[in-house]
Amino acid sequence: MKLSARNQLKGTIVGIKEGAVNGIVVLDIGGGNKISATISMDSIKELGLAEGKSAYAVVKATSVMIGID
């Protein structure tokens, strides 16, 4: 599958917190970094997501904010 989004981060699923409608999927993308996404439980099931499997975090945004303390 090819996507137009250039920000594709491959990782390993290290956690899935299931909710009634949505779930939170956590990917370990290496270097001590993790990224999480909230997606529907239907998508989690349809994609067959499970801990230990490889997946991609795909980020497509029109703006990115950066902040400091």
PDB file of N, CA and C in Angstrom:
ATOM      1  N   MET A   1       0.845  -1.177   0.000  1.00  0.00           N
ATOM      2  CA  MET A   1       0.000   0.000   0.000  1.00  0.00           C
ATOM      3  C   MET A   1       0.887   1.236   0.000  1.00  0.00           C
ATOM      4  N   LYS A   2       0.579   2.184  -0.862  1.00  0.00           N
ATOM      5  CA  LYS A   2       1.287   3.461  -0.892  1.00  0.00           C
ATOM      6  C   LYS A   2       0.351   4.551  -0.381  1.00  0.00           C
ATOM      7  N   LEU A   3       0.945   5.494   0.356  1.00  0.00           N
ATOM      8  CA  LEU A   3       0.182   6.615   0.893  1.00  0.00           C
ATOM      9  C   LEU A   3       0.876   7.915   0.540  1.00  0.00           C
ATOM     10  N   SER A   4       0.109   8.985   0.457  1.00  0.00           N
ATOM     11  CA  SER A   4       0.699  10.294   0.179  1.00  0.00           C
ATOM     12  C   SER A   4       1.370  10.885   1.420  1.00  0.00           C
ATOM     13  N   ALA A   5       0.974  10.450   2.586  1.00  0.00           N
ATOM     14  CA  ALA A   5       1.556  10.974   3.827  1.00  0.00           C
ATOM     15  C   ALA A   5       3.011  10.538   3.926  1.00  0.00           C
ATOM     16  N   ARG A   6       3.888  11.471   4.160  1.00  0.00           N
ATOM     17  CA  ARG A   6       5.318  11.176   4.240  1.00  0.00           C
ATOM     18  C   ARG A   6       5.767  10.804   5.650  1.00  0.00           C
ATOM     19  N   ASN A   7       4.978  11.143   6.628  1.00  0.00           N
ATOM     20  CA  ASN A   7       5.342  10.876   8.015  1.00  0.00           C
ATOM     21  C   ASN A   7       4.805   9.515   8.431  1.00  0.00           C
ATOM     22  N   GLN A   8       5.563   8.474   8.098  1.00  0.00           N
ATOM     23  CA  GLN A   8       5.184   7.109   8.418  1.00  0.00           C
ATOM     24  C   GLN A   8       6.225   6.529   9.361  1.00  0.00           C
ATOM     25  N   LEU A   9       5.793   6.169  10.548  1.00  0.00           N
ATOM     26  CA  LEU A   9       6.694   5.680  11.579  1.00  0.00           C
ATOM     27  C   LEU A   9       6.387   4.220  11.866  1.00  0.00           C
ATOM     28  N   LYS A  10       7.328   3.341  11.529  1.00  0.00           N
ATOM     29  CA  LYS A  10       7.117   1.915  11.766  1.00  0.00           C
ATOM     30  C   LYS A  10       7.475   1.585  13.206  1.00  0.00           C
ATOM     31  N   GLY A  11       6.676   0.706  13.788  1.00  0.00           N
ATOM     32  CA  GLY A  11       6.945   0.312  15.157  1.00  0.00           C
ATOM     33  C   GLY A  11       6.316  -1.013  15.498  1.00  0.00           C
ATOM     34  N   THR A  12       6.425  -1.363  16.750  1.00  0.00           N
ATOM     35  CA  THR A  12       5.849  -2.588  17.283  1.00  0.00           C
ATOM     36  C   THR A  12       4.779  -2.212  18.297  1.00  0.00           C
ATOM     37  N   ILE A  13       3.630  -2.847  18.198  1.00  0.00           N
ATOM     38  CA  ILE A  13       2.545  -2.563  19.132  1.00  0.00           C
ATOM     39  C   ILE A  13       2.927  -3.097  20.510  1.00  0.00           C
ATOM     40  N   VAL A  14       2.948  -2.190  21.489  1.00  0.00           N
ATOM     41  CA  VAL A  14       3.317  -2.587  22.851  1.00  0.00           C
ATOM     42  C   VAL A  14       2.149  -2.475  23.819  1.00  0.00           C
ATOM     43  N   GLY A  15       1.036  -1.969  23.343  1.00  0.00           N
ATOM     44  CA  GLY A  15      -0.127  -1.886  24.215  1.00  0.00           C
ATOM     45  C   GLY A  15      -1.376  -1.506  23.456  1.00  0.00           C
ATOM     46  N   ILE A  16      -2.485  -2.080  23.880  1.00  0.00           N
ATOM     47  CA  ILE A  16      -3.802  -1.696  23.358  1.00  0.00           C
ATOM     48  C   ILE A  16      -4.739  -1.606  24.558  1.00  0.00           C
ATOM     49  N   LYS A  17      -5.276  -0.410  24.773  1.00  0.00           N
ATOM     50  CA  LYS A  17      -6.248  -0.209  25.849  1.00  0.00           C
ATOM     51  C   LYS A  17      -7.621  -0.115  25.196  1.00  0.00           C
ATOM     52  N   GLU A  18      -8.424  -1.142  25.409  1.00  0.00           N
ATOM     53  CA  GLU A  18      -9.724  -1.212  24.759  1.00  0.00           C
ATOM     54  C   GLU A  18     -10.778  -0.437  25.532  1.00  0.00           C
ATOM     55  N   GLY A  19     -11.620   0.276  24.783  1.00  0.00           N
ATOM     56  CA  GLY A  19     -12.751   0.975  25.358  1.00  0.00           C
ATOM     57  C   GLY A  19     -14.034   0.466  24.719  1.00  0.00           C
ATOM     58  N   ALA A  20     -15.140   1.080  25.050  1.00  0.00           N
ATOM     59  CA  ALA A  20     -16.423   0.651  24.502  1.00  0.00           C
ATOM     60  C   ALA A  20     -16.516   0.938  23.004  1.00  0.00           C
ATOM     61  N   VAL A  21     -16.006   2.093  22.572  1.00  0.00           N
ATOM     62  CA  VAL A  21     -16.094   2.499  21.174  1.00  0.00           C
ATOM     63  C   VAL A  21     -14.716   2.650  20.547  1.00  0.00           C
ATOM     64  N   ASN A  22     -13.792   3.262  21.274  1.00  0.00           N
ATOM     65  CA  ASN A  22     -12.433   3.506  20.785  1.00  0.00           C
ATOM     66  C   ASN A  22     -11.412   2.775  21.639  1.00  0.00           C
ATOM     67  N   GLY A  23     -10.227   2.612  21.074  1.00  0.00           N
ATOM     68  CA  GLY A  23      -9.117   2.036  21.806  1.00  0.00           C
ATOM     69  C   GLY A  23      -7.881   2.886  21.607  1.00  0.00           C
ATOM     70  N   ILE A  24      -6.921   2.761  22.499  1.00  0.00           N
ATOM     71  CA  ILE A  24      -5.655   3.471  22.376  1.00  0.00           C
ATOM     72  C   ILE A  24      -4.588   2.440  22.044  1.00  0.00           C
ATOM     73  N   VAL A  25      -3.931   2.644  20.900  1.00  0.00           N
ATOM     74  CA  VAL A  25      -2.877   1.743  20.447  1.00  0.00           C
ATOM     75  C   VAL A  25      -1.544   2.446  20.652  1.00  0.00           C
ATOM     76  N   VAL A  26      -0.604   1.774  21.305  1.00  0.00           N
ATOM     77  CA  VAL A  26       0.712   2.348  21.582  1.00  0.00           C
ATOM     78  C   VAL A  26       1.753   1.589  20.772  1.00  0.00           C
ATOM     79  N   LEU A  27       2.543   2.343  19.985  1.00  0.00           N
ATOM     80  CA  LEU A  27       3.622   1.773  19.187  1.00  0.00           C
ATOM     81  C   LEU A  27       4.958   2.178  19.763  1.00  0.00           C
ATOM     82  N   ASP A  28       5.871   1.240  19.855  1.00  0.00           N
ATOM     83  CA  ASP A  28       7.262   1.528  20.194  1.00  0.00           C
ATOM     84  C   ASP A  28       7.962   1.751  18.871  1.00  0.00           C
ATOM     85  N   ILE A  29       8.422   2.987  18.614  1.00  0.00           N
ATOM     86  CA  ILE A  29       9.058   3.311  17.333  1.00  0.00           C
ATOM     87  C   ILE A  29      10.578   3.348  17.432  1.00  0.00           C
ATOM     88  N   GLY A  30      11.111   2.841  18.528  1.00  0.00           N
ATOM     89  CA  GLY A  30      12.560   2.737  18.694  1.00  0.00           C
ATOM     90  C   GLY A  30      13.165   3.940  19.383  1.00  0.00           C
ATOM     91  N   GLY A  31      14.381   3.775  19.839  1.00  0.00           N
ATOM     92  CA  GLY A  31      15.105   4.855  20.488  1.00  0.00           C
ATOM     93  C   GLY A  31      14.457   5.329  21.770  1.00  0.00           C
ATOM     94  N   GLY A  32      13.670   4.465  22.395  1.00  0.00           N
ATOM     95  CA  GLY A  32      12.980   4.852  23.616  1.00  0.00           C
ATOM     96  C   GLY A  32      11.744   5.696  23.375  1.00  0.00           C
ATOM     97  N   ASN A  33      11.309   5.784  22.119  1.00  0.00           N
ATOM     98  CA  ASN A  33      10.157   6.609  21.767  1.00  0.00           C
ATOM     99  C   ASN A  33       8.918   5.761  21.515  1.00  0.00           C
ATOM    100  N   LYS A  34       7.789   6.276  21.991  1.00  0.00           N
ATOM    101  CA  LYS A  34       6.503   5.622  21.771  1.00  0.00           C
ATOM    102  C   LYS A  34       5.527   6.656  21.247  1.00  0.00           C
ATOM    103  N   ILE A  35       4.586   6.180  20.450  1.00  0.00           N
ATOM    104  CA  ILE A  35       3.545   7.055  19.929  1.00  0.00           C
ATOM    105  C   ILE A  35       2.224   6.332  20.099  1.00  0.00           C
ATOM    106  N   SER A  36       1.177   7.072  20.425  1.00  0.00           N
ATOM    107  CA  SER A  36      -0.127   6.443  20.623  1.00  0.00           C
ATOM    108  C   SER A  36      -1.162   7.086  19.718  1.00  0.00           C
ATOM    109  N   ALA A  37      -2.180   6.307  19.403  1.00  0.00           N
ATOM    110  CA  ALA A  37      -3.276   6.792  18.576  1.00  0.00           C
ATOM    111  C   ALA A  37      -4.579   6.232  19.112  1.00  0.00           C
ATOM    112  N   THR A  38      -5.600   7.052  19.073  1.00  0.00           N
ATOM    113  CA  THR A  38      -6.938   6.612  19.442  1.00  0.00           C
ATOM    114  C   THR A  38      -7.685   6.292  18.154  1.00  0.00           C
ATOM    115  N   ILE A  39      -8.089   5.031  18.018  1.00  0.00           N
ATOM    116  CA  ILE A  39      -8.823   4.598  16.835  1.00  0.00           C
ATOM    117  C   ILE A  39     -10.022   3.762  17.277  1.00  0.00           C
ATOM    118  N   SER A  40     -10.938   3.541  16.361  1.00  0.00           N
ATOM    119  CA  SER A  40     -12.147   2.797  16.719  1.00  0.00           C
ATOM    120  C   SER A  40     -11.817   1.338  17.019  1.00  0.00           C
ATOM    121  N   MET A  41     -12.615   0.739  17.879  1.00  0.00           N
ATOM    122  CA  MET A  41     -12.458  -0.679  18.181  1.00  0.00           C
ATOM    123  C   MET A  41     -12.716  -1.516  16.934  1.00  0.00           C
ATOM    124  N   ASP A  42     -13.638  -1.062  16.075  1.00  0.00           N
ATOM    125  CA  ASP A  42     -13.874  -1.760  14.814  1.00  0.00           C
ATOM    126  C   ASP A  42     -12.595  -1.825  13.990  1.00  0.00           C
ATOM    127  N   SER A  43     -11.843  -0.717  13.913  1.00  0.00           N
ATOM    128  CA  SER A  43     -10.593  -0.695  13.146  1.00  0.00           C
ATOM    129  C   SER A  43      -9.545  -1.601  13.777  1.00  0.00           C
ATOM    130  N   ILE A  44      -9.459  -1.600  15.091  1.00  0.00           N
ATOM    131  CA  ILE A  44      -8.500  -2.467  15.783  1.00  0.00           C
ATOM    132  C   ILE A  44      -8.766  -3.923  15.423  1.00  0.00           C
ATOM    133  N   LYS A  45     -10.036  -4.296  15.427  1.00  0.00           N
ATOM    134  CA  LYS A  45     -10.402  -5.684  15.109  1.00  0.00           C
ATOM    135  C   LYS A  45     -10.203  -5.992  13.632  1.00  0.00           C
ATOM    136  N   GLU A  46     -10.639  -5.088  12.738  1.00  0.00           N
ATOM    137  CA  GLU A  46     -10.510  -5.311  11.298  1.00  0.00           C
ATOM    138  C   GLU A  46      -9.054  -5.435  10.862  1.00  0.00           C
ATOM    139  N   LEU A  47      -8.165  -4.654  11.496  1.00  0.00           N
ATOM    140  CA  LEU A  47      -6.733  -4.701  11.159  1.00  0.00           C
ATOM    141  C   LEU A  47      -6.013  -5.843  11.871  1.00  0.00           C
ATOM    142  N   GLY A  48      -6.682  -6.481  12.806  1.00  0.00           N
ATOM    143  CA  GLY A  48      -6.055  -7.573  13.548  1.00  0.00           C
ATOM    144  C   GLY A  48      -4.908  -7.111  14.420  1.00  0.00           C
ATOM    145  N   LEU A  49      -5.030  -5.903  14.969  1.00  0.00           N
ATOM    146  CA  LEU A  49      -3.957  -5.356  15.792  1.00  0.00           C
ATOM    147  C   LEU A  49      -3.840  -6.120  17.099  1.00  0.00           C
ATOM    148  N   ALA A  50      -2.598  -6.382  17.493  1.00  0.00           N
ATOM    149  CA  ALA A  50      -2.319  -7.090  18.746  1.00  0.00           C
ATOM    150  C   ALA A  50      -0.901  -6.762  19.183  1.00  0.00           C
ATOM    151  N   GLU A  51      -0.661  -6.863  20.482  1.00  0.00           N
ATOM    152  CA  GLU A  51       0.683  -6.617  21.014  1.00  0.00           C
ATOM    153  C   GLU A  51       1.689  -7.541  20.335  1.00  0.00           C
ATOM    154  N   GLY A  52       2.843  -6.962  20.007  1.00  0.00           N
ATOM    155  CA  GLY A  52       3.911  -7.718  19.372  1.00  0.00           C
ATOM    156  C   GLY A  52       3.908  -7.638  17.858  1.00  0.00           C
ATOM    157  N   LYS A  53       2.799  -7.188  17.265  1.00  0.00           N
ATOM    158  CA  LYS A  53       2.726  -7.062  15.807  1.00  0.00           C
ATOM    159  C   LYS A  53       3.323  -5.740  15.358  1.00  0.00           C
ATOM    160  N   SER A  54       3.807  -5.719  14.126  1.00  0.00           N
ATOM    161  CA  SER A  54       4.318  -4.486  13.523  1.00  0.00           C
ATOM    162  C   SER A  54       3.164  -3.676  12.961  1.00  0.00           C
ATOM    163  N   ALA A  55       3.318  -2.361  13.006  1.00  0.00           N
ATOM    164  CA  ALA A  55       2.311  -1.453  12.449  1.00  0.00           C
ATOM    165  C   ALA A  55       2.987  -0.122  12.142  1.00  0.00           C
ATOM    166  N   TYR A  56       2.284   0.727  11.456  1.00  0.00           N
ATOM    167  CA  TYR A  56       2.777   2.059  11.126  1.00  0.00           C
ATOM    168  C   TYR A  56       1.878   3.114  11.745  1.00  0.00           C
ATOM    169  N   ALA A  57       2.487   4.165  12.281  1.00  0.00           N
ATOM    170  CA  ALA A  57       1.767   5.374  12.655  1.00  0.00           C
ATOM    171  C   ALA A  57       1.924   6.308  11.461  1.00  0.00           C
ATOM    172  N   VAL A  58       0.823   6.739  10.890  1.00  0.00           N
ATOM    173  CA  VAL A  58       0.855   7.622   9.721  1.00  0.00           C
ATOM    174  C   VAL A  58       0.286   8.962  10.156  1.00  0.00           C
ATOM    175  N   VAL A  59       1.102  10.012  10.024  1.00  0.00           N
ATOM    176  CA  VAL A  59       0.704  11.340  10.479  1.00  0.00           C
ATOM    177  C   VAL A  59       0.484  12.228   9.265  1.00  0.00           C
ATOM    178  N   LYS A  60      -0.720  12.724   9.130  1.00  0.00           N
ATOM    179  CA  LYS A  60      -1.057  13.658   8.044  1.00  0.00           C
ATOM    180  C   LYS A  60      -1.733  14.858   8.684  1.00  0.00           C
ATOM    181  N   ALA A  61      -1.078  15.985   8.644  1.00  0.00           N
ATOM    182  CA  ALA A  61      -1.631  17.172   9.292  1.00  0.00           C
ATOM    183  C   ALA A  61      -1.303  18.411   8.459  1.00  0.00           C
ATOM    184  N   THR A  62      -2.160  19.383   8.556  1.00  0.00           N
ATOM    185  CA  THR A  62      -1.910  20.641   7.854  1.00  0.00           C
ATOM    186  C   THR A  62      -1.093  21.603   8.702  1.00  0.00           C
ATOM    187  N   SER A  63      -1.010  21.324  10.007  1.00  0.00           N
ATOM    188  CA  SER A  63      -0.187  22.181  10.869  1.00  0.00           C
ATOM    189  C   SER A  63       0.348  21.354  12.038  1.00  0.00           C
ATOM    190  N   VAL A  64       1.498  21.741  12.507  1.00  0.00           N
ATOM    191  CA  VAL A  64       2.117  21.101  13.665  1.00  0.00           C
ATOM    192  C   VAL A  64       2.497  22.199  14.637  1.00  0.00           C
ATOM    193  N   MET A  65       2.128  22.020  15.907  1.00  0.00           N
ATOM    194  CA  MET A  65       2.474  23.009  16.927  1.00  0.00           C
ATOM    195  C   MET A  65       3.654  22.517  17.735  1.00  0.00           C
ATOM    196  N   ILE A  66       4.489  23.445  18.150  1.00  0.00           N
ATOM    197  CA  ILE A  66       5.623  23.139  19.003  1.00  0.00           C
ATOM    198  C   ILE A  66       5.567  24.107  20.183  1.00  0.00           C
ATOM    199  N   GLY A  67       5.781  23.567  21.377  1.00  0.00           N
ATOM    200  CA  GLY A  67       5.731  24.424  22.564  1.00  0.00           C
ATOM    201  C   GLY A  67       6.902  24.152  23.485  1.00  0.00           C
ATOM    202  N   ILE A  68       7.119  25.054  24.396  1.00  0.00           N
ATOM    203  CA  ILE A  68       8.161  24.902  25.406  1.00  0.00           C
ATOM    204  C   ILE A  68       7.589  25.292  26.756  1.00  0.00           C
ATOM    205  N   ASP A  69       8.302  24.908  27.825  1.00  0.00           N
ATOM    206  CA  ASP A  69       7.871  25.275  29.169  1.00  0.00           C
ATOM    207  C   ASP A  69       8.161  26.734  29.426  1.00  0.00           C
TER     208      ASP A  69
END
